[in-house]
Amino acid sequence: MLLEAKKLGKTYQEGKLSVQALRSVDLQIEEGKFYAVIGRSGSGKSTLLHLLGGLDTPTEGTVYLEGKDLAAFTDREAAVFRRRRIGFIFQSYNLLPEYTVIDNIRLPLYLDQRAIDEEYETMLLKKLRLTGKEKHYPSQISGGEAQRTAIARALVTKPAIVLADEPTGNLDARSAEEVLWLLRETCRSFHQTLLMVTHDLQIARQADVVLTLEDGMLTEE
């Protein structure tokens, strides 16, 4: 099993009030599949994604990726492991405005002091239709191109799994459809697992597995 969550829970303290965002979630994610996570706003979708990716710490339960307990890592070990094995795509793109497209894409490699696989990078740029945009800055490209840059950055380290939080939320219907196709096609080409949070049922219907969250609980799979 590529990724597994056991009795996963997360409680936030808001003053004297405890808010249970996620409750006792058991989940198994297989290699090479496309998973969609759906649910109403506030149902715990983004919380689940952040816990599975090690961006947040669960209040209870355990997350295993490739058999490794994410909680057993030091902060430094966790950061390195995330960079190497997990690709993140956020709705807001999170591109650095002072970096060019190519430097934004290569950022995880720079942080990890890893060599650039030029053949793989060229293939990635071609597949995501970013060839010719390498020296542009985020302010000089369209929203669709910015999202494709974020996808390339998530894939450049050849991660085992890509976690995407509403990656088409800021795009028009045509761009959203294009980005979804490119993301699925790229993940398929490089044998990666895709786990996507979405509010769009049309996108969810294209997934291999649909996970439904309701009030912090996994109600349907």
N, C-alpha and C. Protein backbone atom coordinates (compact mmCIF):
# COMPACT_ATOMS: atom_id res chain seq x y z
N MET A 1 0.84 -1.20 0.00
CA MET A 1 0.00 0.00 0.00
C MET A 1 0.88 1.26 0.00
N LEU A 2 0.61 2.17 -0.90
CA LEU A 2 1.44 3.38 -0.99
C LEU A 2 1.27 4.28 0.21
N LEU A 3 0.03 4.58 0.54
CA LEU A 3 -0.25 5.49 1.65
C LEU A 3 -1.40 4.93 2.48
N GLU A 4 -1.26 5.03 3.80
CA GLU A 4 -2.30 4.48 4.67
C GLU A 4 -2.49 5.39 5.88
N ALA A 5 -3.74 5.64 6.21
CA ALA A 5 -4.09 6.40 7.42
C ALA A 5 -4.89 5.51 8.35
N LYS A 6 -4.53 5.52 9.64
CA LYS A 6 -5.23 4.70 10.62
C LYS A 6 -5.75 5.58 11.76
N LYS A 7 -7.08 5.55 11.92
CA LYS A 7 -7.75 6.29 13.00
C LYS A 7 -7.29 7.74 13.07
N LEU A 8 -7.23 8.38 11.90
CA LEU A 8 -6.69 9.72 11.80
C LEU A 8 -7.70 10.76 12.29
N GLY A 9 -7.23 11.64 13.19
CA GLY A 9 -8.10 12.68 13.71
C GLY A 9 -7.34 13.98 13.91
N LYS A 10 -8.08 15.10 13.83
CA LYS A 10 -7.48 16.41 14.05
C LYS A 10 -8.48 17.31 14.75
N THR A 11 -8.05 17.85 15.90
CA THR A 11 -8.86 18.78 16.67
C THR A 11 -8.12 20.10 16.81
N TYR A 12 -8.82 21.19 16.50
CA TYR A 12 -8.24 22.53 16.65
C TYR A 12 -8.84 23.22 17.86
N GLN A 13 -8.02 24.00 18.53
CA GLN A 13 -8.51 24.81 19.65
C GLN A 13 -8.74 26.23 19.18
N GLU A 14 -9.97 26.70 19.31
CA GLU A 14 -10.31 28.08 19.00
C GLU A 14 -10.80 28.74 20.28
N GLY A 15 -9.84 29.32 21.02
CA GLY A 15 -10.15 29.84 22.34
C GLY A 15 -10.46 28.69 23.28
N LYS A 16 -11.63 28.71 23.88
CA LYS A 16 -12.04 27.62 24.77
C LYS A 16 -12.80 26.52 24.02
N LEU A 17 -12.99 26.75 22.73
CA LEU A 17 -13.78 25.82 21.93
C LEU A 17 -12.87 24.84 21.19
N SER A 18 -13.23 23.56 21.24
CA SER A 18 -12.53 22.52 20.48
C SER A 18 -13.32 22.21 19.22
N VAL A 19 -12.63 22.28 18.07
CA VAL A 19 -13.28 21.98 16.79
C VAL A 19 -12.64 20.72 16.22
N GLN A 20 -13.46 19.68 16.06
CA GLN A 20 -12.96 18.41 15.54
C GLN A 20 -13.10 18.42 14.02
N ALA A 21 -11.98 18.66 13.33
CA ALA A 21 -12.00 18.79 11.87
C ALA A 21 -12.02 17.43 11.19
N LEU A 22 -11.44 16.44 11.84
CA LEU A 22 -11.34 15.10 11.25
C LEU A 22 -11.48 14.07 12.35
N ARG A 23 -12.26 13.00 12.08
CA ARG A 23 -12.54 12.02 13.12
C ARG A 23 -12.29 10.60 12.64
N SER A 24 -11.34 9.96 13.25
CA SER A 24 -11.11 8.52 13.10
C SER A 24 -11.21 8.03 11.66
N VAL A 25 -10.42 8.64 10.77
CA VAL A 25 -10.44 8.27 9.36
C VAL A 25 -9.46 7.13 9.08
N ASP A 26 -9.98 6.07 8.48
CA ASP A 26 -9.15 4.97 7.99
C ASP A 26 -9.15 5.03 6.47
N LEU A 27 -7.97 4.96 5.89
CA LEU A 27 -7.86 5.17 4.45
C LEU A 27 -6.66 4.42 3.90
N GLN A 28 -6.85 3.81 2.73
CA GLN A 28 -5.75 3.14 2.04
C GLN A 28 -5.69 3.65 0.60
N ILE A 29 -4.52 4.12 0.20
CA ILE A 29 -4.31 4.68 -1.13
C ILE A 29 -3.35 3.78 -1.90
N GLU A 30 -3.80 3.28 -3.06
CA GLU A 30 -2.98 2.38 -3.86
C GLU A 30 -2.16 3.15 -4.88
N GLU A 31 -1.09 2.55 -5.29
CA GLU A 31 -0.19 3.17 -6.25
C GLU A 31 -0.84 3.29 -7.63
N GLY A 32 -0.64 4.44 -8.27
CA GLY A 32 -1.03 4.62 -9.67
C GLY A 32 -2.48 4.97 -9.93
N LYS A 33 -3.28 5.22 -8.88
CA LYS A 33 -4.69 5.53 -9.07
C LYS A 33 -4.96 7.02 -8.85
N PHE A 34 -6.12 7.46 -9.38
CA PHE A 34 -6.59 8.84 -9.21
C PHE A 34 -7.73 8.81 -8.19
N TYR A 35 -7.51 9.49 -7.07
CA TYR A 35 -8.51 9.58 -6.00
C TYR A 35 -9.04 11.01 -5.93
N ALA A 36 -10.36 11.15 -5.83
CA ALA A 36 -10.97 12.46 -5.63
C ALA A 36 -11.60 12.49 -4.24
N VAL A 37 -11.38 13.58 -3.52
CA VAL A 37 -11.98 13.78 -2.20
C VAL A 37 -13.01 14.89 -2.31
N ILE A 38 -14.28 14.56 -2.04
CA ILE A 38 -15.34 15.55 -2.14
C ILE A 38 -16.03 15.72 -0.79
N GLY A 39 -16.81 16.79 -0.68
CA GLY A 39 -17.53 17.08 0.56
C GLY A 39 -17.84 18.55 0.64
N ARG A 40 -18.76 18.91 1.52
CA ARG A 40 -19.13 20.32 1.67
C ARG A 40 -17.97 21.12 2.24
N SER A 41 -18.06 22.44 2.11
CA SER A 41 -17.08 23.32 2.71
C SER A 41 -17.06 23.10 4.22
N GLY A 42 -15.87 22.93 4.78
CA GLY A 42 -15.75 22.70 6.21
C GLY A 42 -15.86 21.24 6.62
N SER A 43 -15.92 20.34 5.64
CA SER A 43 -16.07 18.91 5.96
C SER A 43 -14.76 18.24 6.35
N GLY A 44 -13.63 18.94 6.14
CA GLY A 44 -12.34 18.39 6.53
C GLY A 44 -11.45 17.96 5.38
N LYS A 45 -11.82 18.33 4.14
CA LYS A 45 -11.07 17.87 2.96
C LYS A 45 -9.63 18.35 2.97
N SER A 46 -9.45 19.66 3.14
CA SER A 46 -8.09 20.22 3.12
C SER A 46 -7.29 19.74 4.32
N THR A 47 -7.95 19.60 5.47
CA THR A 47 -7.27 19.08 6.66
C THR A 47 -6.74 17.69 6.40
N LEU A 48 -7.56 16.84 5.77
CA LEU A 48 -7.13 15.48 5.45
C LEU A 48 -5.90 15.51 4.53
N LEU A 49 -5.95 16.36 3.51
CA LEU A 49 -4.84 16.44 2.56
C LEU A 49 -3.55 16.87 3.26
N HIS A 50 -3.66 17.86 4.14
CA HIS A 50 -2.48 18.36 4.85
C HIS A 50 -1.91 17.32 5.80
N LEU A 51 -2.76 16.54 6.42
CA LEU A 51 -2.29 15.48 7.31
C LEU A 51 -1.62 14.36 6.52
N LEU A 52 -2.22 13.98 5.39
CA LEU A 52 -1.65 12.90 4.57
C LEU A 52 -0.30 13.31 3.99
N GLY A 53 -0.13 14.62 3.75
CA GLY A 53 1.12 15.09 3.18
C GLY A 53 2.15 15.52 4.21
N GLY A 54 1.81 15.40 5.48
CA GLY A 54 2.76 15.77 6.52
C GLY A 54 2.92 17.27 6.71
N LEU A 55 2.00 18.07 6.16
CA LEU A 55 2.05 19.52 6.36
C LEU A 55 1.46 19.92 7.70
N ASP A 56 0.70 19.03 8.30
CA ASP A 56 0.10 19.26 9.61
C ASP A 56 0.21 17.96 10.41
N THR A 57 0.14 18.07 11.71
CA THR A 57 0.30 16.92 12.60
C THR A 57 -1.06 16.47 13.13
N PRO A 58 -1.38 15.18 13.03
CA PRO A 58 -2.68 14.73 13.55
C PRO A 58 -2.74 14.79 15.08
N THR A 59 -3.93 15.01 15.59
CA THR A 59 -4.15 14.93 17.04
C THR A 59 -4.13 13.48 17.48
N GLU A 60 -4.61 12.62 16.61
CA GLU A 60 -4.60 11.18 16.88
C GLU A 60 -4.46 10.42 15.57
N GLY A 61 -4.01 9.19 15.69
CA GLY A 61 -3.87 8.35 14.51
C GLY A 61 -2.51 8.48 13.85
N THR A 62 -2.31 7.72 12.78
CA THR A 62 -1.01 7.61 12.12
C THR A 62 -1.16 7.64 10.61
N VAL A 63 -0.17 8.25 9.95
CA VAL A 63 -0.09 8.24 8.48
C VAL A 63 1.20 7.53 8.09
N TYR A 64 1.06 6.54 7.20
CA TYR A 64 2.22 5.82 6.67
C TYR A 64 2.31 6.09 5.17
N LEU A 65 3.48 6.51 4.72
CA LEU A 65 3.73 6.65 3.28
C LEU A 65 4.90 5.75 2.93
N GLU A 66 4.66 4.84 2.00
CA GLU A 66 5.67 3.84 1.61
C GLU A 66 6.19 3.10 2.84
N GLY A 67 5.26 2.85 3.78
CA GLY A 67 5.59 2.09 4.98
C GLY A 67 6.24 2.89 6.09
N LYS A 68 6.48 4.18 5.87
CA LYS A 68 7.16 5.02 6.86
C LYS A 68 6.14 5.86 7.63
N ASP A 69 6.28 5.87 8.94
CA ASP A 69 5.41 6.66 9.81
C ASP A 69 5.86 8.12 9.75
N LEU A 70 5.03 9.01 9.21
CA LEU A 70 5.42 10.41 9.05
C LEU A 70 5.73 11.08 10.38
N ALA A 71 5.07 10.64 11.44
CA ALA A 71 5.27 11.26 12.75
C ALA A 71 6.61 10.89 13.37
N ALA A 72 7.26 9.87 12.85
CA ALA A 72 8.54 9.41 13.42
C ALA A 72 9.72 10.26 12.95
N PHE A 73 9.51 11.10 11.94
CA PHE A 73 10.58 11.93 11.41
C PHE A 73 10.83 13.16 12.28
N THR A 74 12.07 13.64 12.29
CA THR A 74 12.35 14.97 12.82
C THR A 74 11.81 15.98 11.81
N ASP A 75 11.75 17.26 12.19
CA ASP A 75 11.25 18.29 11.27
C ASP A 75 12.08 18.32 9.99
N ARG A 76 13.39 18.22 10.13
CA ARG A 76 14.29 18.25 8.96
C ARG A 76 14.07 17.02 8.08
N GLU A 77 13.98 15.85 8.70
CA GLU A 77 13.76 14.61 7.95
C GLU A 77 12.42 14.65 7.22
N ALA A 78 11.40 15.19 7.90
CA ALA A 78 10.06 15.28 7.30
C ALA A 78 10.08 16.21 6.08
N ALA A 79 10.79 17.34 6.19
CA ALA A 79 10.86 18.29 5.08
C ALA A 79 11.53 17.66 3.86
N VAL A 80 12.62 16.94 4.09
CA VAL A 80 13.33 16.28 2.99
C VAL A 80 12.46 15.19 2.37
N PHE A 81 11.80 14.41 3.21
CA PHE A 81 10.96 13.32 2.71
C PHE A 81 9.81 13.87 1.88
N ARG A 82 9.18 14.96 2.34
CA ARG A 82 8.09 15.58 1.57
C ARG A 82 8.58 16.06 0.21
N ARG A 83 9.72 16.72 0.19
CA ARG A 83 10.25 17.23 -1.07
C ARG A 83 10.52 16.12 -2.07
N ARG A 84 10.97 14.98 -1.57
CA ARG A 84 11.39 13.90 -2.46
C ARG A 84 10.25 12.97 -2.87
N ARG A 85 9.27 12.77 -2.00
CA ARG A 85 8.27 11.74 -2.25
C ARG A 85 6.85 12.26 -2.45
N ILE A 86 6.60 13.55 -2.13
CA ILE A 86 5.24 14.10 -2.24
C ILE A 86 5.28 15.38 -3.07
N GLY A 87 4.37 15.48 -4.04
CA GLY A 87 4.22 16.71 -4.81
C GLY A 87 2.94 17.41 -4.39
N PHE A 88 3.03 18.70 -4.08
CA PHE A 88 1.86 19.46 -3.63
C PHE A 88 1.44 20.47 -4.70
N ILE A 89 0.14 20.56 -4.94
CA ILE A 89 -0.41 21.57 -5.83
C ILE A 89 -1.52 22.29 -5.08
N PHE A 90 -1.39 23.62 -4.99
CA PHE A 90 -2.36 24.40 -4.23
C PHE A 90 -3.20 25.27 -5.16
N GLN A 91 -4.37 25.62 -4.70
CA GLN A 91 -5.28 26.44 -5.50
C GLN A 91 -4.66 27.80 -5.82
N SER A 92 -3.86 28.32 -4.90
CA SER A 92 -3.27 29.65 -5.08
C SER A 92 -1.94 29.62 -5.83
N TYR A 93 -1.56 28.45 -6.34
CA TYR A 93 -0.33 28.23 -7.13
C TYR A 93 0.94 28.31 -6.27
N ASN A 94 1.04 29.36 -5.40
CA ASN A 94 2.23 29.53 -4.54
C ASN A 94 3.53 29.65 -5.33
N LEU A 95 3.49 30.35 -6.46
CA LEU A 95 4.70 30.63 -7.21
C LEU A 95 5.41 31.85 -6.60
N LEU A 96 6.73 31.85 -6.65
CA LEU A 96 7.50 32.98 -6.14
C LEU A 96 7.62 34.03 -7.25
N PRO A 97 7.11 35.25 -7.04
CA PRO A 97 7.04 36.25 -8.12
C PRO A 97 8.40 36.69 -8.64
N GLU A 98 9.44 36.60 -7.80
CA GLU A 98 10.77 37.06 -8.22
C GLU A 98 11.55 35.98 -8.97
N TYR A 99 10.97 34.78 -9.08
CA TYR A 99 11.61 33.67 -9.79
C TYR A 99 10.95 33.47 -11.14
N THR A 100 11.75 33.07 -12.13
CA THR A 100 11.19 32.73 -13.43
C THR A 100 10.41 31.42 -13.35
N VAL A 101 9.70 31.11 -14.41
CA VAL A 101 8.95 29.85 -14.48
C VAL A 101 9.87 28.66 -14.22
N ILE A 102 11.02 28.62 -14.89
CA ILE A 102 11.89 27.46 -14.75
C ILE A 102 12.48 27.37 -13.34
N ASP A 103 12.78 28.51 -12.73
CA ASP A 103 13.32 28.48 -11.37
C ASP A 103 12.25 28.11 -10.34
N ASN A 104 11.00 28.51 -10.60
CA ASN A 104 9.90 28.06 -9.73
C ASN A 104 9.75 26.55 -9.81
N ILE A 105 9.87 26.02 -11.03
CA ILE A 105 9.74 24.57 -11.21
C ILE A 105 10.88 23.83 -10.51
N ARG A 106 12.09 24.38 -10.63
CA ARG A 106 13.27 23.71 -10.07
C ARG A 106 13.45 23.93 -8.57
N LEU A 107 12.61 24.75 -7.96
CA LEU A 107 12.81 25.12 -6.55
C LEU A 107 13.01 23.93 -5.61
N PRO A 108 12.18 22.87 -5.70
CA PRO A 108 12.41 21.72 -4.81
C PRO A 108 13.79 21.07 -5.01
N LEU A 109 14.28 21.10 -6.25
CA LEU A 109 15.60 20.54 -6.53
C LEU A 109 16.70 21.42 -5.94
N TYR A 110 16.53 22.75 -6.05
CA TYR A 110 17.50 23.67 -5.46
C TYR A 110 17.57 23.46 -3.95
N LEU A 111 16.40 23.37 -3.30
CA LEU A 111 16.36 23.20 -1.84
C LEU A 111 17.02 21.91 -1.40
N ASP A 112 16.91 20.90 -2.25
CA ASP A 112 17.45 19.58 -1.92
C ASP A 112 18.86 19.37 -2.48
N GLN A 113 19.36 20.42 -3.18
CA GLN A 113 20.68 20.35 -3.82
C GLN A 113 20.82 19.10 -4.69
N ARG A 114 19.77 18.88 -5.47
CA ARG A 114 19.74 17.72 -6.37
C ARG A 114 20.04 18.15 -7.80
N ALA A 115 20.64 17.25 -8.55
CA ALA A 115 20.95 17.51 -9.95
C ALA A 115 19.65 17.61 -10.76
N ILE A 116 19.70 18.39 -11.82
CA ILE A 116 18.55 18.56 -12.70
C ILE A 116 18.59 17.49 -13.79
N ASP A 117 17.52 16.74 -13.90
CA ASP A 117 17.39 15.75 -14.97
C ASP A 117 16.84 16.49 -16.19
N GLU A 118 17.73 16.94 -17.06
CA GLU A 118 17.31 17.81 -18.17
C GLU A 118 16.37 17.11 -19.14
N GLU A 119 16.57 15.82 -19.37
CA GLU A 119 15.69 15.08 -20.28
C GLU A 119 14.27 15.01 -19.72
N TYR A 120 14.18 14.69 -18.44
CA TYR A 120 12.87 14.61 -17.77
C TYR A 120 12.22 15.99 -17.73
N GLU A 121 13.01 17.02 -17.41
CA GLU A 121 12.49 18.38 -17.33
C GLU A 121 11.95 18.84 -18.70
N THR A 122 12.69 18.54 -19.76
CA THR A 122 12.25 18.91 -21.10
C THR A 122 10.93 18.22 -21.46
N MET A 123 10.82 16.95 -21.10
CA MET A 123 9.60 16.19 -21.36
C MET A 123 8.43 16.78 -20.57
N LEU A 124 8.70 17.18 -19.33
CA LEU A 124 7.68 17.76 -18.47
C LEU A 124 7.18 19.09 -19.05
N LEU A 125 8.12 19.93 -19.46
CA LEU A 125 7.77 21.23 -20.05
C LEU A 125 6.94 21.06 -21.32
N LYS A 126 7.33 20.08 -22.13
CA LYS A 126 6.61 19.83 -23.38
C LYS A 126 5.19 19.33 -23.10
N LYS A 127 5.09 18.36 -22.17
CA LYS A 127 3.78 17.78 -21.87
C LYS A 127 2.83 18.81 -21.26
N LEU A 128 3.38 19.73 -20.47
CA LEU A 128 2.56 20.76 -19.82
C LEU A 128 2.50 22.05 -20.65
N ARG A 129 3.04 21.99 -21.85
CA ARG A 129 2.99 23.11 -22.79
C ARG A 129 3.54 24.40 -22.18
N LEU A 130 4.72 24.27 -21.58
CA LEU A 130 5.41 25.42 -21.00
C LEU A 130 6.71 25.75 -21.74
N THR A 131 7.00 24.98 -22.80
CA THR A 131 8.19 25.25 -23.60
C THR A 131 8.09 26.66 -24.18
N GLY A 132 9.15 27.45 -23.99
CA GLY A 132 9.15 28.83 -24.45
C GLY A 132 8.77 29.83 -23.37
N LYS A 133 8.25 29.31 -22.24
CA LYS A 133 7.85 30.19 -21.13
C LYS A 133 8.86 30.17 -19.98
N GLU A 134 9.96 29.44 -20.16
CA GLU A 134 10.90 29.20 -19.07
C GLU A 134 11.42 30.47 -18.40
N LYS A 135 11.67 31.52 -19.20
CA LYS A 135 12.28 32.73 -18.64
C LYS A 135 11.27 33.81 -18.29
N HIS A 136 9.98 33.48 -18.44
CA HIS A 136 8.93 34.41 -18.04
C HIS A 136 8.77 34.39 -16.51
N TYR A 137 8.27 35.51 -15.98
CA TYR A 137 7.95 35.58 -14.55
C TYR A 137 6.45 35.33 -14.36
N PRO A 138 6.03 34.93 -13.15
CA PRO A 138 4.60 34.63 -12.93
C PRO A 138 3.66 35.75 -13.37
N SER A 139 4.11 37.00 -13.25
CA SER A 139 3.26 38.13 -13.66
C SER A 139 3.08 38.22 -15.17
N GLN A 140 3.90 37.47 -15.91
CA GLN A 140 3.88 37.55 -17.37
C GLN A 140 3.16 36.37 -18.03
N ILE A 141 2.58 35.49 -17.22
CA ILE A 141 1.90 34.31 -17.77
C ILE A 141 0.45 34.28 -17.31
N SER A 142 -0.36 33.47 -18.00
CA SER A 142 -1.79 33.38 -17.69
C SER A 142 -2.02 32.50 -16.45
N GLY A 143 -3.27 32.51 -15.95
CA GLY A 143 -3.61 31.68 -14.81
C GLY A 143 -3.42 30.20 -15.10
N GLY A 144 -3.80 29.78 -16.31
CA GLY A 144 -3.62 28.38 -16.69
C GLY A 144 -2.16 27.99 -16.75
N GLU A 145 -1.33 28.92 -17.27
CA GLU A 145 0.11 28.65 -17.34
C GLU A 145 0.73 28.62 -15.95
N ALA A 146 0.23 29.49 -15.06
CA ALA A 146 0.73 29.48 -13.67
C ALA A 146 0.39 28.16 -13.00
N GLN A 147 -0.82 27.65 -13.23
CA GLN A 147 -1.19 26.38 -12.62
C GLN A 147 -0.37 25.24 -13.22
N ARG A 148 -0.10 25.29 -14.51
CA ARG A 148 0.73 24.26 -15.13
C ARG A 148 2.16 24.32 -14.60
N THR A 149 2.63 25.52 -14.29
CA THR A 149 3.95 25.67 -13.67
C THR A 149 3.97 25.03 -12.29
N ALA A 150 2.89 25.23 -11.54
CA ALA A 150 2.78 24.62 -10.22
C ALA A 150 2.74 23.10 -10.32
N ILE A 151 2.07 22.59 -11.35
CA ILE A 151 2.03 21.15 -11.57
C ILE A 151 3.42 20.62 -11.90
N ALA A 152 4.14 21.33 -12.77
CA ALA A 152 5.50 20.92 -13.12
C ALA A 152 6.39 20.91 -11.88
N ARG A 153 6.25 21.91 -11.03
CA ARG A 153 7.05 21.95 -9.79
C ARG A 153 6.72 20.75 -8.89
N ALA A 154 5.46 20.37 -8.85
CA ALA A 154 5.06 19.23 -8.02
C ALA A 154 5.61 17.91 -8.57
N LEU A 155 5.81 17.87 -9.90
CA LEU A 155 6.23 16.61 -10.53
C LEU A 155 7.74 16.50 -10.76
N VAL A 156 8.46 17.61 -10.64
CA VAL A 156 9.87 17.64 -11.04
C VAL A 156 10.74 16.71 -10.20
N THR A 157 10.34 16.44 -8.97
CA THR A 157 11.13 15.55 -8.10
C THR A 157 10.76 14.08 -8.29
N LYS A 158 9.84 13.80 -9.22
CA LYS A 158 9.35 12.43 -9.46
C LYS A 158 8.78 11.82 -8.18
N PRO A 159 7.78 12.49 -7.58
CA PRO A 159 7.23 12.01 -6.30
C PRO A 159 6.41 10.75 -6.48
N ALA A 160 6.19 10.06 -5.37
CA ALA A 160 5.35 8.86 -5.40
C ALA A 160 3.88 9.24 -5.49
N ILE A 161 3.53 10.38 -4.88
CA ILE A 161 2.13 10.80 -4.84
C ILE A 161 2.03 12.30 -5.01
N VAL A 162 0.98 12.74 -5.72
CA VAL A 162 0.70 14.16 -5.91
C VAL A 162 -0.58 14.49 -5.15
N LEU A 163 -0.51 15.47 -4.25
CA LEU A 163 -1.66 15.91 -3.47
C LEU A 163 -2.08 17.28 -3.99
N ALA A 164 -3.31 17.38 -4.49
CA ALA A 164 -3.79 18.60 -5.13
C ALA A 164 -5.02 19.12 -4.41
N ASP A 165 -4.95 20.37 -3.93
CA ASP A 165 -6.04 20.98 -3.18
C ASP A 165 -6.77 21.98 -4.08
N GLU A 166 -7.92 21.56 -4.62
CA GLU A 166 -8.73 22.40 -5.51
C GLU A 166 -7.87 23.04 -6.60
N PRO A 167 -7.11 22.26 -7.36
CA PRO A 167 -6.17 22.84 -8.32
C PRO A 167 -6.81 23.58 -9.48
N THR A 168 -8.12 23.36 -9.70
CA THR A 168 -8.80 24.04 -10.80
C THR A 168 -9.76 25.12 -10.30
N GLY A 169 -9.73 25.39 -9.00
CA GLY A 169 -10.71 26.29 -8.40
C GLY A 169 -10.68 27.72 -8.92
N ASN A 170 -9.50 28.20 -9.35
CA ASN A 170 -9.38 29.58 -9.83
C ASN A 170 -9.41 29.70 -11.34
N LEU A 171 -9.75 28.61 -12.01
CA LEU A 171 -9.68 28.61 -13.48
C LEU A 171 -11.08 28.57 -14.10
N ASP A 172 -11.18 29.08 -15.32
CA ASP A 172 -12.45 28.96 -16.04
C ASP A 172 -12.64 27.50 -16.46
N ALA A 173 -13.83 27.17 -16.94
CA ALA A 173 -14.18 25.77 -17.21
C ALA A 173 -13.23 25.12 -18.21
N ARG A 174 -12.88 25.85 -19.27
CA ARG A 174 -12.02 25.28 -20.29
C ARG A 174 -10.61 25.03 -19.74
N SER A 175 -10.06 26.01 -19.01
CA SER A 175 -8.72 25.86 -18.42
C SER A 175 -8.71 24.75 -17.37
N ALA A 176 -9.81 24.65 -16.60
CA ALA A 176 -9.91 23.62 -15.57
C ALA A 176 -9.88 22.23 -16.18
N GLU A 177 -10.63 22.07 -17.27
CA GLU A 177 -10.67 20.78 -17.96
C GLU A 177 -9.29 20.44 -18.53
N GLU A 178 -8.63 21.43 -19.07
CA GLU A 178 -7.30 21.23 -19.65
C GLU A 178 -6.29 20.83 -18.58
N VAL A 179 -6.29 21.54 -17.44
CA VAL A 179 -5.36 21.26 -16.35
C VAL A 179 -5.59 19.86 -15.79
N LEU A 180 -6.87 19.49 -15.63
CA LEU A 180 -7.17 18.16 -15.11
C LEU A 180 -6.64 17.09 -16.06
N TRP A 181 -6.88 17.27 -17.36
CA TRP A 181 -6.40 16.30 -18.33
C TRP A 181 -4.88 16.18 -18.29
N LEU A 182 -4.21 17.33 -18.25
CA LEU A 182 -2.75 17.33 -18.21
C LEU A 182 -2.23 16.67 -16.95
N LEU A 183 -2.87 16.96 -15.83
CA LEU A 183 -2.42 16.40 -14.55
C LEU A 183 -2.58 14.88 -14.54
N ARG A 184 -3.73 14.42 -15.00
CA ARG A 184 -3.97 12.97 -15.06
C ARG A 184 -3.01 12.30 -16.03
N GLU A 185 -2.83 12.92 -17.20
CA GLU A 185 -1.97 12.34 -18.22
C GLU A 185 -0.52 12.28 -17.75
N THR A 186 -0.06 13.36 -17.11
CA THR A 186 1.32 13.41 -16.62
C THR A 186 1.54 12.38 -15.52
N CYS A 187 0.61 12.30 -14.60
CA CYS A 187 0.74 11.32 -13.51
C CYS A 187 0.73 9.90 -14.07
N ARG A 188 -0.13 9.67 -15.07
CA ARG A 188 -0.17 8.34 -15.68
C ARG A 188 1.16 8.02 -16.37
N SER A 189 1.70 9.00 -17.05
CA SER A 189 2.96 8.80 -17.77
C SER A 189 4.10 8.46 -16.83
N PHE A 190 4.10 9.07 -15.64
CA PHE A 190 5.21 8.89 -14.71
C PHE A 190 4.84 7.98 -13.54
N HIS A 191 3.70 7.24 -13.68
CA HIS A 191 3.30 6.22 -12.71
C HIS A 191 3.15 6.78 -11.29
N GLN A 192 2.48 7.92 -11.20
CA GLN A 192 2.28 8.55 -9.90
C GLN A 192 0.82 8.44 -9.47
N THR A 193 0.61 8.46 -8.18
CA THR A 193 -0.73 8.47 -7.60
C THR A 193 -1.19 9.91 -7.46
N LEU A 194 -2.46 10.16 -7.75
CA LEU A 194 -3.02 11.51 -7.65
C LEU A 194 -4.17 11.49 -6.65
N LEU A 195 -4.09 12.36 -5.64
CA LEU A 195 -5.16 12.53 -4.66
C LEU A 195 -5.58 13.99 -4.70
N MET A 196 -6.81 14.23 -5.15
CA MET A 196 -7.26 15.60 -5.40
C MET A 196 -8.51 15.95 -4.60
N VAL A 197 -8.44 17.05 -3.87
CA VAL A 197 -9.61 17.62 -3.23
C VAL A 197 -10.33 18.49 -4.25
N THR A 198 -11.63 18.29 -4.41
CA THR A 198 -12.38 19.09 -5.38
C THR A 198 -13.83 19.26 -4.94
N HIS A 199 -14.43 20.36 -5.34
CA HIS A 199 -15.87 20.56 -5.11
C HIS A 199 -16.65 20.27 -6.38
N ASP A 200 -15.92 19.98 -7.47
CA ASP A 200 -16.53 19.79 -8.78
C ASP A 200 -16.85 18.31 -9.01
N LEU A 201 -18.13 17.99 -9.05
CA LEU A 201 -18.54 16.60 -9.20
C LEU A 201 -18.18 16.03 -10.57
N GLN A 202 -18.11 16.89 -11.59
CA GLN A 202 -17.71 16.42 -12.91
C GLN A 202 -16.26 15.93 -12.90
N ILE A 203 -15.41 16.62 -12.14
CA ILE A 203 -14.03 16.18 -11.99
C ILE A 203 -13.98 14.88 -11.19
N ALA A 204 -14.75 14.82 -10.11
CA ALA A 204 -14.76 13.64 -9.24
C ALA A 204 -15.17 12.39 -10.00
N ARG A 205 -16.10 12.54 -10.94
CA ARG A 205 -16.59 11.38 -11.70
C ARG A 205 -15.50 10.76 -12.58
N GLN A 206 -14.45 11.50 -12.84
CA GLN A 206 -13.36 10.98 -13.67
C GLN A 206 -12.32 10.21 -12.84
N ALA A 207 -12.46 10.23 -11.53
CA ALA A 207 -11.50 9.57 -10.64
C ALA A 207 -11.73 8.06 -10.63
N ASP A 208 -10.68 7.32 -10.28
CA ASP A 208 -10.81 5.87 -10.09
C ASP A 208 -11.58 5.57 -8.81
N VAL A 209 -11.34 6.40 -7.78
CA VAL A 209 -11.99 6.22 -6.49
C VAL A 209 -12.44 7.58 -5.99
N VAL A 210 -13.69 7.67 -5.50
CA VAL A 210 -14.20 8.91 -4.92
C VAL A 210 -14.37 8.72 -3.42
N LEU A 211 -13.76 9.61 -2.64
CA LEU A 211 -13.86 9.59 -1.19
C LEU A 211 -14.74 10.76 -0.75
N THR A 212 -15.74 10.50 0.07
CA THR A 212 -16.66 11.55 0.52
C THR A 212 -16.47 11.81 2.01
N LEU A 213 -16.22 13.07 2.35
CA LEU A 213 -16.09 13.47 3.75
C LEU A 213 -17.32 14.24 4.19
N GLU A 214 -17.81 13.91 5.37
CA GLU A 214 -18.96 14.61 5.94
C GLU A 214 -18.71 14.80 7.42
N ASP A 215 -18.67 16.06 7.84
CA ASP A 215 -18.40 16.39 9.25
C ASP A 215 -17.15 15.70 9.78
N GLY A 216 -16.11 15.69 8.94
CA GLY A 216 -14.82 15.16 9.38
C GLY A 216 -14.72 13.65 9.35
N MET A 217 -15.74 12.98 8.82
CA MET A 217 -15.74 11.51 8.76
C MET A 217 -15.84 11.04 7.31
N LEU A 218 -15.13 9.97 7.03
CA LEU A 218 -15.19 9.35 5.71
C LEU A 218 -16.47 8.53 5.65
N THR A 219 -17.44 8.99 4.83
CA THR A 219 -18.76 8.35 4.85
C THR A 219 -18.98 7.40 3.67
N GLU A 220 -18.15 7.56 2.63
CA GLU A 220 -18.40 6.76 1.43
C GLU A 220 -17.09 6.60 0.66
N GLU A 221 -16.91 5.45 0.05
CA GLU A 221 -15.72 5.23 -0.77
C GLU A 221 -16.11 4.45 -2.01
